[in-house]
Amino acid sequence: MYKAQYKAKSAYEVWTNIGTYSSESEAMNVAMKKKNSGALMVRVVDKNGSVVYSG
């Protein structure tokens, strides 16, 4: 399980969930789409809470 999350306007706001995905690549694709549509920051977190991707 992987969670895609984003911060819209400020680095100081809480992470907002985009969704939960069964594969890392699916979560990465959704996170990158959110980043390309204007999100300030995105990240993908695995089931253990470790950050797999941050951008």
Protein backbone atom coordinates (compact mmCIF):
# COMPACT_ATOMS: atom_id res chain seq x y z
CA MET A 1 0.00 0.00 0.00
CA TYR A 2 1.26 3.45 -0.95
CA LYS A 3 -0.24 6.85 -0.14
CA ALA A 4 0.17 9.85 -2.41
CA GLN A 5 0.02 13.19 -0.57
CA TYR A 6 0.47 16.86 -1.42
CA LYS A 7 0.77 20.37 -0.03
CA ALA A 8 -1.04 22.94 -2.14
CA LYS A 9 0.25 26.38 -1.18
CA SER A 10 2.60 26.34 1.81
CA ALA A 11 5.30 24.05 3.16
CA TYR A 12 3.84 24.65 6.63
CA GLU A 13 0.38 23.21 5.92
CA VAL A 14 -0.51 19.59 6.68
CA TRP A 15 -0.16 16.87 4.04
CA THR A 16 -3.41 16.17 2.17
CA ASN A 17 -4.08 12.64 0.89
CA ILE A 18 -4.66 12.19 -2.82
CA GLY A 19 -5.36 8.48 -2.46
CA THR A 20 -4.11 5.01 -1.51
CA TYR A 21 -2.67 2.72 -4.19
CA SER A 22 -1.52 -0.89 -4.39
CA SER A 23 1.62 -0.15 -6.41
CA GLU A 24 4.42 2.37 -6.02
CA SER A 25 4.32 3.29 -9.71
CA GLU A 26 0.61 4.08 -9.61
CA ALA A 27 1.08 6.33 -6.57
CA MET A 28 4.05 8.03 -8.25
CA ASN A 29 2.03 8.72 -11.41
CA VAL A 30 -0.80 10.31 -9.44
CA ALA A 31 1.63 12.38 -7.35
CA MET A 32 3.43 13.66 -10.45
CA LYS A 33 0.13 14.62 -12.09
CA LYS A 34 -0.78 16.59 -8.96
CA LYS A 35 2.64 18.28 -8.96
CA ASN A 36 2.31 19.18 -12.63
CA SER A 37 -1.14 20.66 -12.00
CA GLY A 38 0.25 23.15 -9.49
CA ALA A 39 0.82 21.52 -6.10
CA LEU A 40 3.74 22.98 -4.16
CA MET A 41 5.01 19.61 -2.87
CA VAL A 42 4.10 15.95 -3.30
CA ARG A 43 5.25 12.74 -1.68
CA VAL A 44 4.60 9.01 -1.74
CA VAL A 45 4.64 7.09 1.55
CA ASP A 46 4.79 3.28 1.90
CA LYS A 47 2.84 1.13 4.39
CA ASN A 48 5.58 1.53 7.01
CA GLY A 49 5.38 5.32 6.85
CA SER A 50 8.68 5.73 5.00
CA VAL A 51 8.84 8.39 2.30
CA VAL A 52 9.50 6.70 -1.04
CA TYR A 53 9.39 9.87 -3.14
CA SER A 54 9.32 13.57 -2.35
CA GLY A 55 9.22 16.36 -4.87
